[in-house]
Amino acid sequence: GMVLKDYFDVLLHGVPFVLLLRLILLRLILLKISNK
């Protein structure tokens, strides 16, 4: 029963969490590189 509007809604509400995950991964990679 999901329509295009519902998928857009998932995208809209999910983007902040994707950005947070991206930021965490970038920090972990930079930390690993600096340790090496």
PDB file of all heavy atoms in Angstrom:
ATOM      1  N   GLY A   1       0.783  -1.222   0.000  1.00  0.00           N
ATOM      2  CA  GLY A   1       0.000   0.000   0.000  1.00  0.00           C
ATOM      3  C   GLY A   1       0.821   1.281   0.000  1.00  0.00           C
ATOM      4  O   GLY A   1       0.256   2.364   0.015  1.00  0.00           O
ATOM      5  N   MET A   2       2.138   1.171  -0.012  1.00  0.00           N
ATOM      6  CA  MET A   2       2.965   2.385  -0.035  1.00  0.00           C
ATOM      7  C   MET A   2       2.905   3.001  -1.425  1.00  0.00           C
ATOM      8  O   MET A   2       2.970   2.315  -2.438  1.00  0.00           O
ATOM      9  CB  MET A   2       4.416   2.084   0.331  1.00  0.00           C
ATOM     10  CG  MET A   2       4.637   1.878   1.809  1.00  0.00           C
ATOM     11  SD  MET A   2       6.359   1.691   2.265  1.00  0.00           S
ATOM     12  CE  MET A   2       6.841   3.383   2.466  1.00  0.00           C
ATOM     13  N   VAL A   3       2.798   4.317  -1.452  1.00  0.00           N
ATOM     14  CA  VAL A   3       2.808   5.061  -2.711  1.00  0.00           C
ATOM     15  C   VAL A   3       4.081   5.903  -2.752  1.00  0.00           C
ATOM     16  O   VAL A   3       4.858   5.928  -1.803  1.00  0.00           O
ATOM     17  CB  VAL A   3       1.542   5.932  -2.850  1.00  0.00           C
ATOM     18  CG1 VAL A   3       0.301   5.063  -2.963  1.00  0.00           C
ATOM     19  CG2 VAL A   3       1.402   6.887  -1.700  1.00  0.00           C
ATOM     20  N   LEU A   4       4.290   6.596  -3.847  1.00  0.00           N
ATOM     21  CA  LEU A   4       5.497   7.395  -4.046  1.00  0.00           C
ATOM     22  C   LEU A   4       5.708   8.389  -2.910  1.00  0.00           C
ATOM     23  O   LEU A   4       6.834   8.595  -2.449  1.00  0.00           O
ATOM     24  CB  LEU A   4       5.425   8.121  -5.386  1.00  0.00           C
ATOM     25  CG  LEU A   4       6.652   8.936  -5.789  1.00  0.00           C
ATOM     26  CD1 LEU A   4       7.869   8.029  -5.900  1.00  0.00           C
ATOM     27  CD2 LEU A   4       6.403   9.663  -7.084  1.00  0.00           C
ATOM     28  N   LYS A   5       4.632   8.961  -2.427  1.00  0.00           N
ATOM     29  CA  LYS A   5       4.698   9.917  -1.314  1.00  0.00           C
ATOM     30  C   LYS A   5       5.316   9.287  -0.073  1.00  0.00           C
ATOM     31  O   LYS A   5       6.116   9.916   0.626  1.00  0.00           O
ATOM     32  CB  LYS A   5       3.290  10.434  -1.015  1.00  0.00           C
ATOM     33  CG  LYS A   5       3.148  11.280   0.205  1.00  0.00           C
ATOM     34  CD  LYS A   5       1.708  11.667   0.434  1.00  0.00           C
ATOM     35  CE  LYS A   5       1.047  10.596   1.248  1.00  0.00           C
ATOM     36  NZ  LYS A   5      -0.207  11.000   1.873  1.00  0.00           N
ATOM     37  N   ASP A   6       4.996   8.038   0.199  1.00  0.00           N
ATOM     38  CA  ASP A   6       5.527   7.339   1.370  1.00  0.00           C
ATOM     39  C   ASP A   6       7.015   7.054   1.229  1.00  0.00           C
ATOM     40  O   ASP A   6       7.775   7.164   2.191  1.00  0.00           O
ATOM     41  CB  ASP A   6       4.762   6.045   1.620  1.00  0.00           C
ATOM     42  CG  ASP A   6       3.306   6.297   1.951  1.00  0.00           C
ATOM     43  OD1 ASP A   6       3.036   7.184   2.779  1.00  0.00           O
ATOM     44  OD2 ASP A   6       2.445   5.625   1.362  1.00  0.00           O
ATOM     45  N   TYR A   7       7.448   6.707   0.033  1.00  0.00           N
ATOM     46  CA  TYR A   7       8.880   6.479  -0.198  1.00  0.00           C
ATOM     47  C   TYR A   7       9.660   7.785  -0.057  1.00  0.00           C
ATOM     48  O   TYR A   7      10.761   7.797   0.499  1.00  0.00           O
ATOM     49  CB  TYR A   7       9.119   5.851  -1.572  1.00  0.00           C
ATOM     50  CG  TYR A   7       8.664   4.421  -1.647  1.00  0.00           C
ATOM     51  CD1 TYR A   7       7.516   4.068  -2.358  1.00  0.00           C
ATOM     52  CD2 TYR A   7       9.373   3.417  -1.008  1.00  0.00           C
ATOM     53  CE1 TYR A   7       7.100   2.755  -2.428  1.00  0.00           C
ATOM     54  CE2 TYR A   7       8.960   2.093  -1.065  1.00  0.00           C
ATOM     55  CZ  TYR A   7       7.824   1.772  -1.786  1.00  0.00           C
ATOM     56  OH  TYR A   7       7.406   0.472  -1.839  1.00  0.00           O
ATOM     57  N   PHE A   8       9.100   8.875  -0.564  1.00  0.00           N
ATOM     58  CA  PHE A   8       9.737  10.180  -0.394  1.00  0.00           C
ATOM     59  C   PHE A   8       9.816  10.542   1.083  1.00  0.00           C
ATOM     60  O   PHE A   8      10.812  11.108   1.532  1.00  0.00           O
ATOM     61  CB  PHE A   8       8.970  11.253  -1.172  1.00  0.00           C
ATOM     62  CG  PHE A   8       9.531  12.626  -0.983  1.00  0.00           C
ATOM     63  CD1 PHE A   8      10.717  12.991  -1.592  1.00  0.00           C
ATOM     64  CD2 PHE A   8       8.886  13.546  -0.174  1.00  0.00           C
ATOM     65  CE1 PHE A   8      11.251  14.258  -1.405  1.00  0.00           C
ATOM     66  CE2 PHE A   8       9.404  14.806   0.016  1.00  0.00           C
ATOM     67  CZ  PHE A   8      10.588  15.175  -0.607  1.00  0.00           C
ATOM     68  N   ASP A   9       8.803  10.198   1.823  1.00  0.00           N
ATOM     69  CA  ASP A   9       8.771  10.470   3.260  1.00  0.00           C
ATOM     70  C   ASP A   9       9.882   9.711   3.988  1.00  0.00           C
ATOM     71  O   ASP A   9      10.542  10.252   4.869  1.00  0.00           O
ATOM     72  CB  ASP A   9       7.400  10.077   3.814  1.00  0.00           C
ATOM     73  CG  ASP A   9       7.041  10.814   5.066  1.00  0.00           C
ATOM     74  OD1 ASP A   9       7.503  11.948   5.250  1.00  0.00           O
ATOM     75  OD2 ASP A   9       6.286  10.244   5.879  1.00  0.00           O
ATOM     76  N   VAL A  10      10.096   8.457   3.606  1.00  0.00           N
ATOM     77  CA  VAL A  10      11.193   7.673   4.187  1.00  0.00           C
ATOM     78  C   VAL A  10      12.526   8.340   3.859  1.00  0.00           C
ATOM     79  O   VAL A  10      13.400   8.466   4.726  1.00  0.00           O
ATOM     80  CB  VAL A  10      11.173   6.218   3.668  1.00  0.00           C
ATOM     81  CG1 VAL A  10      12.437   5.470   4.063  1.00  0.00           C
ATOM     82  CG2 VAL A  10       9.946   5.486   4.159  1.00  0.00           C
ATOM     83  N   LEU A  11      12.684   8.773   2.627  1.00  0.00           N
ATOM     84  CA  LEU A  11      13.908   9.453   2.221  1.00  0.00           C
ATOM     85  C   LEU A  11      14.113  10.734   3.017  1.00  0.00           C
ATOM     86  O   LEU A  11      15.203  10.989   3.538  1.00  0.00           O
ATOM     87  CB  LEU A  11      13.858   9.757   0.721  1.00  0.00           C
ATOM     88  CG  LEU A  11      15.059  10.490   0.151  1.00  0.00           C
ATOM     89  CD1 LEU A  11      16.277   9.581   0.160  1.00  0.00           C
ATOM     90  CD2 LEU A  11      14.760  10.969  -1.253  1.00  0.00           C
ATOM     91  N   LEU A  12      13.077  11.532   3.147  1.00  0.00           N
ATOM     92  CA  LEU A  12      13.162  12.809   3.855  1.00  0.00           C
ATOM     93  C   LEU A  12      13.532  12.610   5.321  1.00  0.00           C
ATOM     94  O   LEU A  12      14.406  13.300   5.843  1.00  0.00           O
ATOM     95  CB  LEU A  12      11.821  13.552   3.755  1.00  0.00           C
ATOM     96  CG  LEU A  12      11.736  14.875   4.479  1.00  0.00           C
ATOM     97  CD1 LEU A  12      12.579  15.919   3.764  1.00  0.00           C
ATOM     98  CD2 LEU A  12      10.298  15.341   4.562  1.00  0.00           C
ATOM     99  N   HIS A  13      12.902  11.670   5.982  1.00  0.00           N
ATOM    100  CA  HIS A  13      13.174  11.444   7.400  1.00  0.00           C
ATOM    101  C   HIS A  13      14.449  10.635   7.623  1.00  0.00           C
ATOM    102  O   HIS A  13      15.000  10.640   8.722  1.00  0.00           O
ATOM    103  CB  HIS A  13      11.991  10.732   8.071  1.00  0.00           C
ATOM    104  CG  HIS A  13      10.794  11.601   8.227  1.00  0.00           C
ATOM    105  ND1 HIS A  13      10.693  12.557   9.210  1.00  0.00           N
ATOM    106  CD2 HIS A  13       9.637  11.676   7.517  1.00  0.00           C
ATOM    107  CE1 HIS A  13       9.529  13.169   9.102  1.00  0.00           C
ATOM    108  NE2 HIS A  13       8.874  12.657   8.081  1.00  0.00           N
ATOM    109  N   GLY A  14      14.936   9.941   6.598  1.00  0.00           N
ATOM    110  CA  GLY A  14      16.121   9.115   6.737  1.00  0.00           C
ATOM    111  C   GLY A  14      17.433   9.815   6.433  1.00  0.00           C
ATOM    112  O   GLY A  14      18.493   9.387   6.900  1.00  0.00           O
ATOM    113  N   VAL A  15      17.392  10.888   5.667  1.00  0.00           N
ATOM    114  CA  VAL A  15      18.623  11.591   5.269  1.00  0.00           C
ATOM    115  C   VAL A  15      19.453  12.049   6.470  1.00  0.00           C
ATOM    116  O   VAL A  15      20.673  11.878   6.460  1.00  0.00           O
ATOM    117  CB  VAL A  15      18.312  12.754   4.300  1.00  0.00           C
ATOM    118  CG1 VAL A  15      19.484  13.702   4.171  1.00  0.00           C
ATOM    119  CG2 VAL A  15      17.931  12.203   2.944  1.00  0.00           C
ATOM    120  N   PRO A  16      18.871  12.623   7.518  1.00  0.00           N
ATOM    121  CA  PRO A  16      19.715  13.018   8.652  1.00  0.00           C
ATOM    122  C   PRO A  16      20.494  11.857   9.266  1.00  0.00           C
ATOM    123  O   PRO A  16      21.653  12.017   9.652  1.00  0.00           O
ATOM    124  CB  PRO A  16      18.718  13.594   9.665  1.00  0.00           C
ATOM    125  CG  PRO A  16      17.568  14.038   8.858  1.00  0.00           C
ATOM    126  CD  PRO A  16      17.481  13.070   7.726  1.00  0.00           C
ATOM    127  N   PHE A  17      19.898  10.675   9.315  1.00  0.00           N
ATOM    128  CA  PHE A  17      20.586   9.519   9.875  1.00  0.00           C
ATOM    129  C   PHE A  17      21.688   9.023   8.937  1.00  0.00           C
ATOM    130  O   PHE A  17      22.731   8.563   9.394  1.00  0.00           O
ATOM    131  CB  PHE A  17      19.595   8.404  10.199  1.00  0.00           C
ATOM    132  CG  PHE A  17      18.618   8.804  11.263  1.00  0.00           C
ATOM    133  CD1 PHE A  17      17.306   9.104  10.945  1.00  0.00           C
ATOM    134  CD2 PHE A  17      19.023   8.905  12.575  1.00  0.00           C
ATOM    135  CE1 PHE A  17      16.407   9.489  11.919  1.00  0.00           C
ATOM    136  CE2 PHE A  17      18.130   9.288  13.567  1.00  0.00           C
ATOM    137  CZ  PHE A  17      16.820   9.588  13.234  1.00  0.00           C
ATOM    138  N   VAL A  18      21.464   9.138   7.635  1.00  0.00           N
ATOM    139  CA  VAL A  18      22.507   8.791   6.662  1.00  0.00           C
ATOM    140  C   VAL A  18      23.681   9.753   6.807  1.00  0.00           C
ATOM    141  O   VAL A  18      24.845   9.336   6.778  1.00  0.00           O
ATOM    142  CB  VAL A  18      21.947   8.805   5.225  1.00  0.00           C
ATOM    143  CG1 VAL A  18      23.047   8.652   4.201  1.00  0.00           C
ATOM    144  CG2 VAL A  18      20.894   7.723   5.056  1.00  0.00           C
ATOM    145  N   LEU A  19      23.386  11.037   6.990  1.00  0.00           N
ATOM    146  CA  LEU A  19      24.453  12.026   7.193  1.00  0.00           C
ATOM    147  C   LEU A  19      25.217  11.757   8.484  1.00  0.00           C
ATOM    148  O   LEU A  19      26.449  11.887   8.523  1.00  0.00           O
ATOM    149  CB  LEU A  19      23.874  13.439   7.221  1.00  0.00           C
ATOM    150  CG  LEU A  19      23.348  13.986   5.895  1.00  0.00           C
ATOM    151  CD1 LEU A  19      22.692  15.336   6.110  1.00  0.00           C
ATOM    152  CD2 LEU A  19      24.447  14.074   4.866  1.00  0.00           C
ATOM    153  N   LEU A  20      24.514  11.358   9.543  1.00  0.00           N
ATOM    154  CA  LEU A  20      25.175  11.040  10.806  1.00  0.00           C
ATOM    155  C   LEU A  20      26.072   9.811  10.652  1.00  0.00           C
ATOM    156  O   LEU A  20      27.217   9.803  11.123  1.00  0.00           O
ATOM    157  CB  LEU A  20      24.142  10.806  11.905  1.00  0.00           C
ATOM    158  CG  LEU A  20      24.690  10.490  13.292  1.00  0.00           C
ATOM    159  CD1 LEU A  20      25.506  11.661  13.827  1.00  0.00           C
ATOM    160  CD2 LEU A  20      23.560  10.145  14.239  1.00  0.00           C
ATOM    161  N   LEU A  21      25.592   8.786   9.986  1.00  0.00           N
ATOM    162  CA  LEU A  21      26.385   7.596   9.743  1.00  0.00           C
ATOM    163  C   LEU A  21      27.617   7.937   8.904  1.00  0.00           C
ATOM    164  O   LEU A  21      28.725   7.472   9.196  1.00  0.00           O
ATOM    165  CB  LEU A  21      25.537   6.524   9.052  1.00  0.00           C
ATOM    166  CG  LEU A  21      26.221   5.205   8.746  1.00  0.00           C
ATOM    167  CD1 LEU A  21      26.660   4.521  10.041  1.00  0.00           C
ATOM    168  CD2 LEU A  21      25.304   4.309   7.959  1.00  0.00           C
ATOM    169  N   ARG A  22      27.449   8.769   7.894  1.00  0.00           N
ATOM    170  CA  ARG A  22      28.562   9.220   7.055  1.00  0.00           C
ATOM    171  C   ARG A  22      29.603   9.947   7.888  1.00  0.00           C
ATOM    172  O   ARG A  22      30.799   9.697   7.760  1.00  0.00           O
ATOM    173  CB  ARG A  22      28.035  10.135   5.954  1.00  0.00           C
ATOM    174  CG  ARG A  22      29.081  10.774   5.107  1.00  0.00           C
ATOM    175  CD  ARG A  22      28.476  11.950   4.311  1.00  0.00           C
ATOM    176  NE  ARG A  22      29.485  12.870   3.936  1.00  0.00           N
ATOM    177  CZ  ARG A  22      29.919  13.889   4.663  1.00  0.00           C
ATOM    178  NH1 ARG A  22      29.406  14.103   5.849  1.00  0.00           N
ATOM    179  NH2 ARG A  22      30.852  14.689   4.232  1.00  0.00           N
ATOM    180  N   LEU A  23      29.154  10.823   8.753  1.00  0.00           N
ATOM    181  CA  LEU A  23      30.067  11.590   9.592  1.00  0.00           C
ATOM    182  C   LEU A  23      30.825  10.688  10.562  1.00  0.00           C
ATOM    183  O   LEU A  23      32.037  10.844  10.746  1.00  0.00           O
ATOM    184  CB  LEU A  23      29.277  12.656  10.358  1.00  0.00           C
ATOM    185  CG  LEU A  23      30.046  13.762  11.035  1.00  0.00           C
ATOM    186  CD1 LEU A  23      30.944  14.491  10.051  1.00  0.00           C
ATOM    187  CD2 LEU A  23      29.095  14.743  11.673  1.00  0.00           C
ATOM    188  N   ILE A  24      30.150   9.717  11.146  1.00  0.00           N
ATOM    189  CA  ILE A  24      30.806   8.773  12.056  1.00  0.00           C
ATOM    190  C   ILE A  24      31.856   7.951  11.309  1.00  0.00           C
ATOM    191  O   ILE A  24      32.985   7.789  11.786  1.00  0.00           O
ATOM    192  CB  ILE A  24      29.760   7.863  12.731  1.00  0.00           C
ATOM    193  CG1 ILE A  24      28.918   8.669  13.714  1.00  0.00           C
ATOM    194  CG2 ILE A  24      30.430   6.686  13.435  1.00  0.00           C
ATOM    195  CD1 ILE A  24      27.707   7.932  14.242  1.00  0.00           C
ATOM    196  N   LEU A  25      31.497   7.452  10.131  1.00  0.00           N
ATOM    197  CA  LEU A  25      32.450   6.661   9.352  1.00  0.00           C
ATOM    198  C   LEU A  25      33.659   7.486   8.933  1.00  0.00           C
ATOM    199  O   LEU A  25      34.791   6.999   8.983  1.00  0.00           O
ATOM    200  CB  LEU A  25      31.763   6.057   8.129  1.00  0.00           C
ATOM    201  CG  LEU A  25      30.752   4.954   8.417  1.00  0.00           C
ATOM    202  CD1 LEU A  25      30.048   4.522   7.142  1.00  0.00           C
ATOM    203  CD2 LEU A  25      31.423   3.779   9.088  1.00  0.00           C
ATOM    204  N   LEU A  26      33.444   8.716   8.517  1.00  0.00           N
ATOM    205  CA  LEU A  26      34.562   9.587   8.147  1.00  0.00           C
ATOM    206  C   LEU A  26      35.493   9.823   9.328  1.00  0.00           C
ATOM    207  O   LEU A  26      36.717   9.780   9.181  1.00  0.00           O
ATOM    208  CB  LEU A  26      34.055  10.928   7.613  1.00  0.00           C
ATOM    209  CG  LEU A  26      33.500  10.923   6.205  1.00  0.00           C
ATOM    210  CD1 LEU A  26      32.909  12.292   5.863  1.00  0.00           C
ATOM    211  CD2 LEU A  26      34.573  10.553   5.202  1.00  0.00           C
ATOM    212  N   ARG A  27      34.927  10.063  10.495  1.00  0.00           N
ATOM    213  CA  ARG A  27      35.758  10.285  11.688  1.00  0.00           C
ATOM    214  C   ARG A  27      36.547   9.035  12.045  1.00  0.00           C
ATOM    215  O   ARG A  27      37.717   9.124  12.420  1.00  0.00           O
ATOM    216  CB  ARG A  27      34.909  10.724  12.881  1.00  0.00           C
ATOM    217  CG  ARG A  27      34.198  12.017  12.688  1.00  0.00           C
ATOM    218  CD  ARG A  27      35.169  13.153  12.577  1.00  0.00           C
ATOM    219  NE  ARG A  27      34.428  14.345  12.187  1.00  0.00           N
ATOM    220  CZ  ARG A  27      34.883  15.549  12.245  1.00  0.00           C
ATOM    221  NH1 ARG A  27      36.098  15.774  12.651  1.00  0.00           N
ATOM    222  NH2 ARG A  27      34.142  16.569  11.851  1.00  0.00           N
ATOM    223  N   LEU A  28      35.926   7.863  11.940  1.00  0.00           N
ATOM    224  CA  LEU A  28      36.630   6.616  12.247  1.00  0.00           C
ATOM    225  C   LEU A  28      37.756   6.365  11.251  1.00  0.00           C
ATOM    226  O   LEU A  28      38.851   5.928  11.632  1.00  0.00           O
ATOM    227  CB  LEU A  28      35.658   5.441  12.259  1.00  0.00           C
ATOM    228  CG  LEU A  28      34.690   5.389  13.431  1.00  0.00           C
ATOM    229  CD1 LEU A  28      33.700   4.245  13.248  1.00  0.00           C
ATOM    230  CD2 LEU A  28      35.423   5.263  14.741  1.00  0.00           C
ATOM    231  N   ILE A  29      37.517   6.636   9.991  1.00  0.00           N
ATOM    232  CA  ILE A  29      38.554   6.453   8.963  1.00  0.00           C
ATOM    233  C   ILE A  29      39.705   7.417   9.203  1.00  0.00           C
ATOM    234  O   ILE A  29      40.875   7.021   9.132  1.00  0.00           O
ATOM    235  CB  ILE A  29      37.952   6.625   7.553  1.00  0.00           C
ATOM    236  CG1 ILE A  29      37.026   5.452   7.240  1.00  0.00           C
ATOM    237  CG2 ILE A  29      39.042   6.754   6.504  1.00  0.00           C
ATOM    238  CD1 ILE A  29      36.180   5.639   6.007  1.00  0.00           C
ATOM    239  N   LEU A  30      39.381   8.676   9.497  1.00  0.00           N
ATOM    240  CA  LEU A  30      40.438   9.647   9.763  1.00  0.00           C
ATOM    241  C   LEU A  30      41.229   9.277  11.007  1.00  0.00           C
ATOM    242  O   LEU A  30      42.451   9.442  11.053  1.00  0.00           O
ATOM    243  CB  LEU A  30      39.847  11.053   9.909  1.00  0.00           C
ATOM    244  CG  LEU A  30      39.341  11.692   8.628  1.00  0.00           C
ATOM    245  CD1 LEU A  30      38.662  13.027   8.940  1.00  0.00           C
ATOM    246  CD2 LEU A  30      40.457  11.880   7.631  1.00  0.00           C
ATOM    247  N   LEU A  31      40.558   8.760  12.011  1.00  0.00           N
ATOM    248  CA  LEU A  31      41.231   8.331  13.234  1.00  0.00           C
ATOM    249  C   LEU A  31      42.172   7.161  12.945  1.00  0.00           C
ATOM    250  O   LEU A  31      43.303   7.126  13.431  1.00  0.00           O
ATOM    251  CB  LEU A  31      40.199   7.936  14.292  1.00  0.00           C
ATOM    252  CG  LEU A  31      40.725   7.509  15.644  1.00  0.00           C
ATOM    253  CD1 LEU A  31      41.428   8.682  16.320  1.00  0.00           C
ATOM    254  CD2 LEU A  31      39.587   7.017  16.513  1.00  0.00           C
ATOM    255  N   LYS A  32      41.711   6.219  12.139  1.00  0.00           N
ATOM    256  CA  LYS A  32      42.527   5.066  11.792  1.00  0.00           C
ATOM    257  C   LYS A  32      43.759   5.499  10.992  1.00  0.00           C
ATOM    258  O   LYS A  32      44.864   5.024  11.236  1.00  0.00           O
ATOM    259  CB  LYS A  32      41.693   4.067  10.982  1.00  0.00           C
ATOM    260  CG  LYS A  32      42.379   2.772  10.700  1.00  0.00           C
ATOM    261  CD  LYS A  32      41.446   1.804  10.001  1.00  0.00           C
ATOM    262  CE  LYS A  32      42.133   0.494   9.729  1.00  0.00           C
ATOM    263  NZ  LYS A  32      41.245  -0.451   9.059  1.00  0.00           N
ATOM    264  N   ILE A  33      43.570   6.424  10.055  1.00  0.00           N
ATOM    265  CA  ILE A  33      44.686   6.914   9.248  1.00  0.00           C
ATOM    266  C   ILE A  33      45.687   7.670  10.119  1.00  0.00           C
ATOM    267  O   ILE A  33      46.896   7.476   9.986  1.00  0.00           O
ATOM    268  CB  ILE A  33      44.166   7.814   8.099  1.00  0.00           C
ATOM    269  CG1 ILE A  33      43.439   6.960   7.067  1.00  0.00           C
ATOM    270  CG2 ILE A  33      45.309   8.580   7.445  1.00  0.00           C
ATOM    271  CD1 ILE A  33      42.713   7.756   6.013  1.00  0.00           C
ATOM    272  N   SER A  34      45.192   8.490  11.022  1.00  0.00           N
ATOM    273  CA  SER A  34      46.105   9.249  11.879  1.00  0.00           C
ATOM    274  C   SER A  34      46.867   8.327  12.831  1.00  0.00           C
ATOM    275  O   SER A  34      48.025   8.576  13.142  1.00  0.00           O
ATOM    276  CB  SER A  34      45.350  10.322  12.661  1.00  0.00           C
ATOM    277  OG  SER A  34      44.487   9.735  13.601  1.00  0.00           O
ATOM    278  N   ASN A  35      46.246   7.243  13.291  1.00  0.00           N
ATOM    279  CA  ASN A  35      46.940   6.271  14.139  1.00  0.00           C
ATOM    280  C   ASN A  35      48.043   5.551  13.374  1.00  0.00           C
ATOM    281  O   ASN A  35      49.120   5.300  13.901  1.00  0.00           O
ATOM    282  CB  ASN A  35      45.974   5.254  14.722  1.00  0.00           C
ATOM    283  CG  ASN A  35      45.156   5.817  15.861  1.00  0.00           C
ATOM    284  OD1 ASN A  35      45.512   6.826  16.459  1.00  0.00           O
ATOM    285  ND2 ASN A  35      44.038   5.177  16.147  1.00  0.00           N
ATOM    286  N   LYS A  36      47.772   5.223  12.095  1.00  0.00           N
ATOM    287  CA  LYS A  36      48.783   4.559  11.281  1.00  0.00           C
ATOM    288  C   LYS A  36      49.983   5.473  11.039  1.00  0.00           C
ATOM    289  O   LYS A  36      51.125   5.036  11.124  1.00  0.00           O
ATOM    290  CB  LYS A  36      48.192   4.129   9.934  1.00  0.00           C
ATOM    291  CG  LYS A  36      47.370   2.877   9.996  1.00  0.00           C
ATOM    292  CD  LYS A  36      46.924   2.473   8.615  1.00  0.00           C
ATOM    293  CE  LYS A  36      46.117   1.201   8.662  1.00  0.00           C
ATOM    294  NZ  LYS A  36      45.679   0.784   7.317  1.00  0.00           N
TER     295      LYS A  36
END
